[in-house]
Amino acid sequence: MGKYFKYAIGEIILVVIGILIALQINNWNENRKDRLLIQSYYKQLLDELDSDVSTIKFSISRLQNDIEAYNNLKKETSNPNLSIDSVLIYHQNAVFDLENTTFNTKTVSVMQSTGDIRLLPSHIRNALINLENEQKSHLDDFKGRLDLYLAIFKELDFLETFSDLDIWKNNKALSNRLNIQERQLEELPVLIKALKIKNISNKRNKLELNNILNYTEELIRFIKKEMD
């Protein structure tokens, strides 16, 4: 009886050891898969982040050029002897488009939707979240500034001209000449205001993009350190 009992105990111990070894091997395989998956995500993130750095630096450069162009415009048009025609031409020739920057978020979106973001070390996960929040905040703020900027140009649609008045309908030549002069006087303040708003937006965009650039470069350093 004791012999069989010892034999049974021995069998149980062997089974338990076998199960523990199998679990250990399974855990090792799962950890290996996770490490390979993380490395794949790191490579994708670095590709996207490096691309973002180039895009952001290009946008910052363009914003700085626009800011300098606006300062030069103010300097050129501050001449008291400059005619209204010349001032208007300076403003009409200005660049009125706003610099819009987009970011690569495909890999982060995939990691969030699959839950794989939990596999990342906490400091990298937090850095990704901080970067994403900065990007979203910037895009929301930019949309608000763009809406305000575009609303200014709608004022041009409501400017009346002398041709709208019946008193000038029998004198086309005079009406056309007065229309041009009046349009210039009414259009110029709108253009001046639009460029002023654009310059304010450019300065804000530049500040926000510099912050995003810092977050992006910090995240790149974190990831490269983990990959070493």
C-alpha atoms as a PDB file:
ATOM      1  CA  MET A   1       0.000   0.000   0.000  1.00  0.00           C
ATOM      2  CA  GLY A   2       2.737   2.436   0.970  1.00  0.00           C
ATOM      3  CA  LYS A   3       4.625   1.502  -2.173  1.00  0.00           C
ATOM      4  CA  TYR A   4       1.650   2.343  -4.392  1.00  0.00           C
ATOM      5  CA  PHE A   5       1.014   5.577  -2.468  1.00  0.00           C
ATOM      6  CA  LYS A   6       4.573   6.730  -3.012  1.00  0.00           C
ATOM      7  CA  TYR A   7       4.252   5.800  -6.672  1.00  0.00           C
ATOM      8  CA  ALA A   8       1.018   7.852  -7.000  1.00  0.00           C
ATOM      9  CA  ILE A   9       2.596  10.823  -5.271  1.00  0.00           C
ATOM     10  CA  GLY A  10       5.529  10.587  -7.610  1.00  0.00           C
ATOM     11  CA  GLU A  11       3.183  10.512 -10.623  1.00  0.00           C
ATOM     12  CA  ILE A  12       1.310  13.566  -9.348  1.00  0.00           C
ATOM     13  CA  ILE A  13       4.552  15.448  -8.804  1.00  0.00           C
ATOM     14  CA  LEU A  14       5.684  14.597 -12.352  1.00  0.00           C
ATOM     15  CA  VAL A  15       2.349  15.767 -13.776  1.00  0.00           C
ATOM     16  CA  VAL A  16       2.525  19.017 -11.803  1.00  0.00           C
ATOM     17  CA  ILE A  17       6.084  19.612 -12.928  1.00  0.00           C
ATOM     18  CA  GLY A  18       5.058  18.890 -16.497  1.00  0.00           C
ATOM     19  CA  ILE A  19       2.179  21.365 -16.266  1.00  0.00           C
ATOM     20  CA  LEU A  20       4.449  24.027 -14.749  1.00  0.00           C
ATOM     21  CA  ILE A  21       7.024  23.512 -17.490  1.00  0.00           C
ATOM     22  CA  ALA A  22       4.304  23.725 -20.151  1.00  0.00           C
ATOM     23  CA  LEU A  23       2.950  26.918 -18.595  1.00  0.00           C
ATOM     24  CA  GLN A  24       6.447  28.358 -18.422  1.00  0.00           C
ATOM     25  CA  ILE A  25       7.077  27.531 -22.071  1.00  0.00           C
ATOM     26  CA  ASN A  26       3.710  29.000 -23.018  1.00  0.00           C
ATOM     27  CA  ASN A  27       4.454  32.178 -21.045  1.00  0.00           C
ATOM     28  CA  TRP A  28       7.876  32.393 -22.672  1.00  0.00           C
ATOM     29  CA  ASN A  29       6.298  32.048 -26.113  1.00  0.00           C
ATOM     30  CA  GLU A  30       3.662  34.667 -25.299  1.00  0.00           C
ATOM     31  CA  ASN A  31       6.280  37.065 -23.958  1.00  0.00           C
ATOM     32  CA  ARG A  32       8.384  36.483 -27.061  1.00  0.00           C
ATOM     33  CA  LYS A  33       5.385  37.262 -29.282  1.00  0.00           C
ATOM     34  CA  ASP A  34       4.687  40.402 -27.271  1.00  0.00           C
ATOM     35  CA  ARG A  35       8.303  41.546 -27.565  1.00  0.00           C
ATOM     36  CA  LEU A  36       8.284  41.023 -31.319  1.00  0.00           C
ATOM     37  CA  LEU A  37       4.953  42.847 -31.582  1.00  0.00           C
ATOM     38  CA  ILE A  38       6.253  45.753 -29.510  1.00  0.00           C
ATOM     39  CA  GLN A  39       9.373  46.000 -31.662  1.00  0.00           C
ATOM     40  CA  SER A  40       7.175  46.092 -34.769  1.00  0.00           C
ATOM     41  CA  TYR A  41       5.071  48.876 -33.243  1.00  0.00           C
ATOM     42  CA  TYR A  42       8.206  50.788 -32.273  1.00  0.00           C
ATOM     43  CA  LYS A  43       9.463  50.725 -35.856  1.00  0.00           C
ATOM     44  CA  GLN A  44       6.120  51.923 -37.188  1.00  0.00           C
ATOM     45  CA  LEU A  45       5.926  54.664 -34.566  1.00  0.00           C
ATOM     46  CA  LEU A  46       9.450  55.862 -35.352  1.00  0.00           C
ATOM     47  CA  ASP A  47       8.642  56.052 -39.070  1.00  0.00           C
ATOM     48  CA  GLU A  48       5.546  58.143 -38.360  1.00  0.00           C
ATOM     49  CA  LEU A  49       7.201  60.317 -35.725  1.00  0.00           C
ATOM     50  CA  ASP A  50      10.236  61.028 -37.924  1.00  0.00           C
ATOM     51  CA  SER A  51       7.868  62.045 -40.709  1.00  0.00           C
ATOM     52  CA  ASP A  52       5.964  64.289 -38.271  1.00  0.00           C
ATOM     53  CA  VAL A  53       9.196  65.972 -37.165  1.00  0.00           C
ATOM     54  CA  SER A  54      10.014  66.876 -40.777  1.00  0.00           C
ATOM     55  CA  THR A  55       6.470  68.137 -41.401  1.00  0.00           C
ATOM     56  CA  ILE A  56       6.377  70.184 -38.194  1.00  0.00           C
ATOM     57  CA  LYS A  57       9.771  71.776 -38.834  1.00  0.00           C
ATOM     58  CA  PHE A  58       8.691  72.703 -42.373  1.00  0.00           C
ATOM     59  CA  SER A  59       5.455  74.235 -41.045  1.00  0.00           C
ATOM     60  CA  ILE A  60       7.327  76.206 -38.374  1.00  0.00           C
ATOM     61  CA  SER A  61       9.691  77.532 -41.050  1.00  0.00           C
ATOM     62  CA  ARG A  62       6.767  78.648 -43.229  1.00  0.00           C
ATOM     63  CA  LEU A  63       5.048  80.261 -40.260  1.00  0.00           C
ATOM     64  CA  GLN A  64       8.219  82.181 -39.418  1.00  0.00           C
ATOM     65  CA  ASN A  65       8.482  83.358 -43.036  1.00  0.00           C
ATOM     66  CA  ASP A  66       4.849  84.519 -42.921  1.00  0.00           C
ATOM     67  CA  ILE A  67       5.439  86.380 -39.661  1.00  0.00           C
ATOM     68  CA  GLU A  68       8.462  88.133 -41.132  1.00  0.00           C
ATOM     69  CA  ALA A  69       6.525  88.926 -44.326  1.00  0.00           C
ATOM     70  CA  TYR A  70       3.761  90.527 -42.261  1.00  0.00           C
ATOM     71  CA  ASN A  71       6.298  92.624 -40.342  1.00  0.00           C
ATOM     72  CA  ASN A  72       7.821  93.757 -43.653  1.00  0.00           C
ATOM     73  CA  LEU A  73       4.350  94.575 -44.988  1.00  0.00           C
ATOM     74  CA  LYS A  74       3.627  96.769 -41.972  1.00  0.00           C
ATOM     75  CA  LYS A  75       6.962  98.505 -42.441  1.00  0.00           C
ATOM     76  CA  GLU A  76       6.406  99.094 -46.171  1.00  0.00           C
ATOM     77  CA  THR A  77       2.875 100.434 -45.718  1.00  0.00           C
ATOM     78  CA  SER A  78       3.760 102.720 -42.811  1.00  0.00           C
ATOM     79  CA  ASN A  79       5.036 105.328 -45.272  1.00  0.00           C
ATOM     80  CA  PRO A  80       2.625 108.305 -44.944  1.00  0.00           C
ATOM     81  CA  ASN A  81       3.237 109.271 -48.577  1.00  0.00           C
ATOM     82  CA  LEU A  82       2.106 105.896 -49.914  1.00  0.00           C
ATOM     83  CA  SER A  83      -1.091 106.064 -51.993  1.00  0.00           C
ATOM     84  CA  ILE A  84      -4.195 104.056 -51.190  1.00  0.00           C
ATOM     85  CA  ASP A  85      -3.668 102.161 -54.456  1.00  0.00           C
ATOM     86  CA  SER A  86      -0.171 101.131 -53.393  1.00  0.00           C
ATOM     87  CA  VAL A  87      -1.259 100.130 -49.901  1.00  0.00           C
ATOM     88  CA  LEU A  88      -4.071  98.047 -51.381  1.00  0.00           C
ATOM     89  CA  ILE A  89      -1.719  96.344 -53.847  1.00  0.00           C
ATOM     90  CA  TYR A  90       0.662  95.440 -51.026  1.00  0.00           C
ATOM     91  CA  HIS A  91      -2.194  93.788 -49.132  1.00  0.00           C
ATOM     92  CA  GLN A  92      -3.731  92.112 -52.177  1.00  0.00           C
ATOM     93  CA  ASN A  93      -0.373  90.526 -53.023  1.00  0.00           C
ATOM     94  CA  ALA A  94       0.030  89.102 -49.517  1.00  0.00           C
ATOM     95  CA  VAL A  95      -0.346  85.358 -48.933  1.00  0.00           C
ATOM     96  CA  PHE A  96      -3.676  84.739 -47.214  1.00  0.00           C
ATOM     97  CA  ASP A  97      -3.663  80.960 -46.734  1.00  0.00           C
ATOM     98  CA  LEU A  98      -3.211  79.573 -43.226  1.00  0.00           C
ATOM     99  CA  GLU A  99      -0.596  76.877 -42.547  1.00  0.00           C
ATOM    100  CA  ASN A 100      -2.361  73.634 -41.614  1.00  0.00           C
ATOM    101  CA  THR A 101      -0.323  70.759 -40.158  1.00  0.00           C
ATOM    102  CA  THR A 102      -1.494  67.141 -39.978  1.00  0.00           C
ATOM    103  CA  PHE A 103      -0.035  64.301 -37.914  1.00  0.00           C
ATOM    104  CA  ASN A 104       0.446  60.559 -38.398  1.00  0.00           C
ATOM    105  CA  THR A 105      -1.736  58.694 -35.902  1.00  0.00           C
ATOM    106  CA  LYS A 106      -2.403  55.388 -37.674  1.00  0.00           C
ATOM    107  CA  THR A 107      -0.205  53.187 -35.457  1.00  0.00           C
ATOM    108  CA  VAL A 108      -1.458  54.745 -32.215  1.00  0.00           C
ATOM    109  CA  SER A 109      -5.064  54.274 -33.367  1.00  0.00           C
ATOM    110  CA  VAL A 110      -4.393  50.591 -34.146  1.00  0.00           C
ATOM    111  CA  MET A 111      -2.758  50.047 -30.746  1.00  0.00           C
ATOM    112  CA  GLN A 112      -5.673  51.700 -28.961  1.00  0.00           C
ATOM    113  CA  SER A 113      -8.336  49.755 -30.886  1.00  0.00           C
ATOM    114  CA  THR A 114      -6.590  46.381 -30.331  1.00  0.00           C
ATOM    115  CA  GLY A 115      -5.632  47.123 -26.726  1.00  0.00           C
ATOM    116  CA  ASP A 116      -1.969  46.489 -27.561  1.00  0.00           C
ATOM    117  CA  ILE A 117      -1.035  49.876 -26.158  1.00  0.00           C
ATOM    118  CA  ARG A 118      -1.074  48.165 -22.734  1.00  0.00           C
ATOM    119  CA  LEU A 119       2.061  46.261 -23.808  1.00  0.00           C
ATOM    120  CA  LEU A 120       4.136  49.433 -23.856  1.00  0.00           C
ATOM    121  CA  PRO A 121       6.109  50.628 -20.842  1.00  0.00           C
ATOM    122  CA  SER A 122       4.171  53.192 -18.831  1.00  0.00           C
ATOM    123  CA  HIS A 123       6.525  56.105 -19.622  1.00  0.00           C
ATOM    124  CA  ILE A 124       6.143  55.541 -23.389  1.00  0.00           C
ATOM    125  CA  ARG A 125       2.399  55.029 -23.065  1.00  0.00           C
ATOM    126  CA  ASN A 126       2.092  58.279 -21.121  1.00  0.00           C
ATOM    127  CA  ALA A 127       4.288  60.105 -23.635  1.00  0.00           C
ATOM    128  CA  LEU A 128       2.036  58.896 -26.470  1.00  0.00           C
ATOM    129  CA  ILE A 129      -1.071  60.073 -24.620  1.00  0.00           C
ATOM    130  CA  ASN A 130       0.486  63.484 -23.890  1.00  0.00           C
ATOM    131  CA  LEU A 131       1.500  63.894 -27.531  1.00  0.00           C
ATOM    132  CA  GLU A 132      -1.939  62.893 -28.754  1.00  0.00           C
ATOM    133  CA  ASN A 133      -3.586  65.416 -26.395  1.00  0.00           C
ATOM    134  CA  GLU A 134      -1.273  68.199 -27.628  1.00  0.00           C
ATOM    135  CA  GLN A 135      -2.040  67.344 -31.250  1.00  0.00           C
ATOM    136  CA  LYS A 136      -5.811  67.294 -30.689  1.00  0.00           C
ATOM    137  CA  SER A 137      -5.691  70.560 -28.761  1.00  0.00           C
ATOM    138  CA  HIS A 138      -3.726  72.218 -31.552  1.00  0.00           C
ATOM    139  CA  LEU A 139      -6.070  70.976 -34.290  1.00  0.00           C
ATOM    140  CA  ASP A 140      -9.145  72.142 -32.334  1.00  0.00           C
ATOM    141  CA  ASP A 141      -7.590  75.568 -31.698  1.00  0.00           C
ATOM    142  CA  PHE A 142      -6.545  75.869 -35.334  1.00  0.00           C
ATOM    143  CA  LYS A 143     -10.092  75.118 -36.507  1.00  0.00           C
ATOM    144  CA  GLY A 144     -11.420  77.898 -34.274  1.00  0.00           C
ATOM    145  CA  ARG A 145      -8.872  80.372 -35.646  1.00  0.00           C
ATOM    146  CA  LEU A 146      -9.607  79.276 -39.221  1.00  0.00           C
ATOM    147  CA  ASP A 147     -13.358  79.810 -38.743  1.00  0.00           C
ATOM    148  CA  LEU A 148     -12.694  83.306 -37.396  1.00  0.00           C
ATOM    149  CA  TYR A 149     -10.325  84.035 -40.272  1.00  0.00           C
ATOM    150  CA  LEU A 150     -12.775  82.874 -42.958  1.00  0.00           C
ATOM    151  CA  ALA A 151     -15.597  84.866 -41.367  1.00  0.00           C
ATOM    152  CA  ILE A 152     -13.636  88.064 -42.029  1.00  0.00           C
ATOM    153  CA  PHE A 153     -13.618  87.433 -45.770  1.00  0.00           C
ATOM    154  CA  LYS A 154     -17.388  87.065 -45.781  1.00  0.00           C
ATOM    155  CA  GLU A 155     -17.510  90.791 -45.067  1.00  0.00           C
ATOM    156  CA  LEU A 156     -16.298  91.358 -48.627  1.00  0.00           C
ATOM    157  CA  ASP A 157     -19.498  89.789 -49.943  1.00  0.00           C
ATOM    158  CA  PHE A 158     -21.615  92.441 -48.234  1.00  0.00           C
ATOM    159  CA  LEU A 159     -19.766  95.539 -49.422  1.00  0.00           C
ATOM    160  CA  GLU A 160     -22.097  97.834 -51.369  1.00  0.00           C
ATOM    161  CA  THR A 161     -20.970  99.741 -54.449  1.00  0.00           C
ATOM    162  CA  PHE A 162     -22.161 102.923 -56.137  1.00  0.00           C
ATOM    163  CA  SER A 163     -23.655 100.866 -58.962  1.00  0.00           C
ATOM    164  CA  ASP A 164     -26.221  99.592 -56.470  1.00  0.00           C
ATOM    165  CA  LEU A 165     -27.613 103.124 -56.163  1.00  0.00           C
ATOM    166  CA  ASP A 166     -30.147 104.281 -58.771  1.00  0.00           C
ATOM    167  CA  ILE A 167     -28.690 107.796 -58.787  1.00  0.00           C
ATOM    168  CA  TRP A 168     -25.636 106.578 -60.780  1.00  0.00           C
ATOM    169  CA  LYS A 169     -27.382 104.249 -63.230  1.00  0.00           C
ATOM    170  CA  ASN A 170     -27.300 106.779 -66.102  1.00  0.00           C
ATOM    171  CA  ASN A 171     -23.595 107.547 -65.783  1.00  0.00           C
ATOM    172  CA  LYS A 172     -21.766 104.251 -66.265  1.00  0.00           C
ATOM    173  CA  ALA A 173     -18.262 105.729 -66.628  1.00  0.00           C
ATOM    174  CA  LEU A 174     -18.501 107.741 -63.406  1.00  0.00           C
ATOM    175  CA  SER A 175     -20.215 104.862 -61.647  1.00  0.00           C
ATOM    176  CA  ASN A 176     -17.405 102.431 -62.583  1.00  0.00           C
ATOM    177  CA  ARG A 177     -14.689 104.856 -61.491  1.00  0.00           C
ATOM    178  CA  LEU A 178     -16.382 105.547 -58.168  1.00  0.00           C
ATOM    179  CA  ASN A 179     -17.005 101.836 -57.665  1.00  0.00           C
ATOM    180  CA  ILE A 180     -13.288 101.111 -57.941  1.00  0.00           C
ATOM    181  CA  GLN A 181     -12.374 103.856 -55.500  1.00  0.00           C
ATOM    182  CA  GLU A 182     -15.094 102.916 -53.063  1.00  0.00           C
ATOM    183  CA  ARG A 183     -14.269  99.227 -53.290  1.00  0.00           C
ATOM    184  CA  GLN A 184     -10.647  99.983 -52.477  1.00  0.00           C
ATOM    185  CA  LEU A 185     -11.573 102.062 -49.425  1.00  0.00           C
ATOM    186  CA  GLU A 186     -13.964  99.389 -48.160  1.00  0.00           C
ATOM    187  CA  GLU A 187     -11.856  96.367 -49.059  1.00  0.00           C
ATOM    188  CA  LEU A 188      -8.619  97.601 -47.527  1.00  0.00           C
ATOM    189  CA  PRO A 189      -9.754  97.527 -43.850  1.00  0.00           C
ATOM    190  CA  VAL A 190     -11.025  93.975 -44.343  1.00  0.00           C
ATOM    191  CA  LEU A 191      -7.693  92.859 -45.805  1.00  0.00           C
ATOM    192  CA  ILE A 192      -5.760  94.606 -43.047  1.00  0.00           C
ATOM    193  CA  LYS A 193      -7.886  92.912 -40.394  1.00  0.00           C
ATOM    194  CA  ALA A 194      -7.544  89.511 -42.106  1.00  0.00           C
ATOM    195  CA  LEU A 195      -3.760  89.745 -42.223  1.00  0.00           C
ATOM    196  CA  LYS A 196      -3.652  90.863 -38.604  1.00  0.00           C
ATOM    197  CA  ILE A 197      -5.736  87.858 -37.531  1.00  0.00           C
ATOM    198  CA  LYS A 198      -3.552  85.612 -39.694  1.00  0.00           C
ATOM    199  CA  ASN A 199      -0.400  86.933 -38.024  1.00  0.00           C
ATOM    200  CA  ILE A 200      -1.856  86.298 -34.567  1.00  0.00           C
ATOM    201  CA  SER A 201      -2.825  82.788 -35.685  1.00  0.00           C
ATOM    202  CA  ASN A 202       0.640  82.175 -37.139  1.00  0.00           C
ATOM    203  CA  LYS A 203       2.325  83.107 -33.862  1.00  0.00           C
ATOM    204  CA  ARG A 204      -0.019  80.845 -31.915  1.00  0.00           C
ATOM    205  CA  ASN A 205       0.443  77.987 -34.394  1.00  0.00           C
ATOM    206  CA  LYS A 206       4.213  78.336 -34.199  1.00  0.00           C
ATOM    207  CA  LEU A 207       4.149  78.190 -30.388  1.00  0.00           C
ATOM    208  CA  GLU A 208       1.880  75.128 -30.343  1.00  0.00           C
ATOM    209  CA  LEU A 209       3.887  73.319 -33.027  1.00  0.00           C
ATOM    210  CA  ASN A 210       7.115  73.932 -31.134  1.00  0.00           C
ATOM    211  CA  ASN A 211       5.534  72.281 -28.085  1.00  0.00           C
ATOM    212  CA  ILE A 212       4.364  69.344 -30.195  1.00  0.00           C
ATOM    213  CA  LEU A 213       7.839  69.064 -31.722  1.00  0.00           C
ATOM    214  CA  ASN A 214       9.356  68.812 -28.228  1.00  0.00           C
ATOM    215  CA  TYR A 215       6.876  66.086 -27.222  1.00  0.00           C
ATOM    216  CA  THR A 216       7.532  64.214 -30.482  1.00  0.00           C
ATOM    217  CA  GLU A 217      11.317  64.308 -30.173  1.00  0.00           C
ATOM    218  CA  GLU A 218      11.108  63.230 -26.539  1.00  0.00           C
ATOM    219  CA  LEU A 219       8.979  60.220 -27.503  1.00  0.00           C
ATOM    220  CA  ILE A 220      11.463  59.298 -30.237  1.00  0.00           C
ATOM    221  CA  ARG A 221      14.270  59.287 -27.656  1.00  0.00           C
ATOM    222  CA  PHE A 222      12.228  57.066 -25.314  1.00  0.00           C
ATOM    223  CA  ILE A 223      11.472  54.537 -28.058  1.00  0.00           C
ATOM    224  CA  LYS A 224      15.048  54.381 -29.354  1.00  0.00           C
ATOM    225  CA  LYS A 225      16.299  53.782 -25.822  1.00  0.00           C
ATOM    226  CA  GLU A 226      13.855  50.882 -25.398  1.00  0.00           C
ATOM    227  CA  MET A 227      14.998  49.385 -28.709  1.00  0.00           C
ATOM    228  CA  ASP A 228      18.704  49.466 -27.791  1.00  0.00           C
END
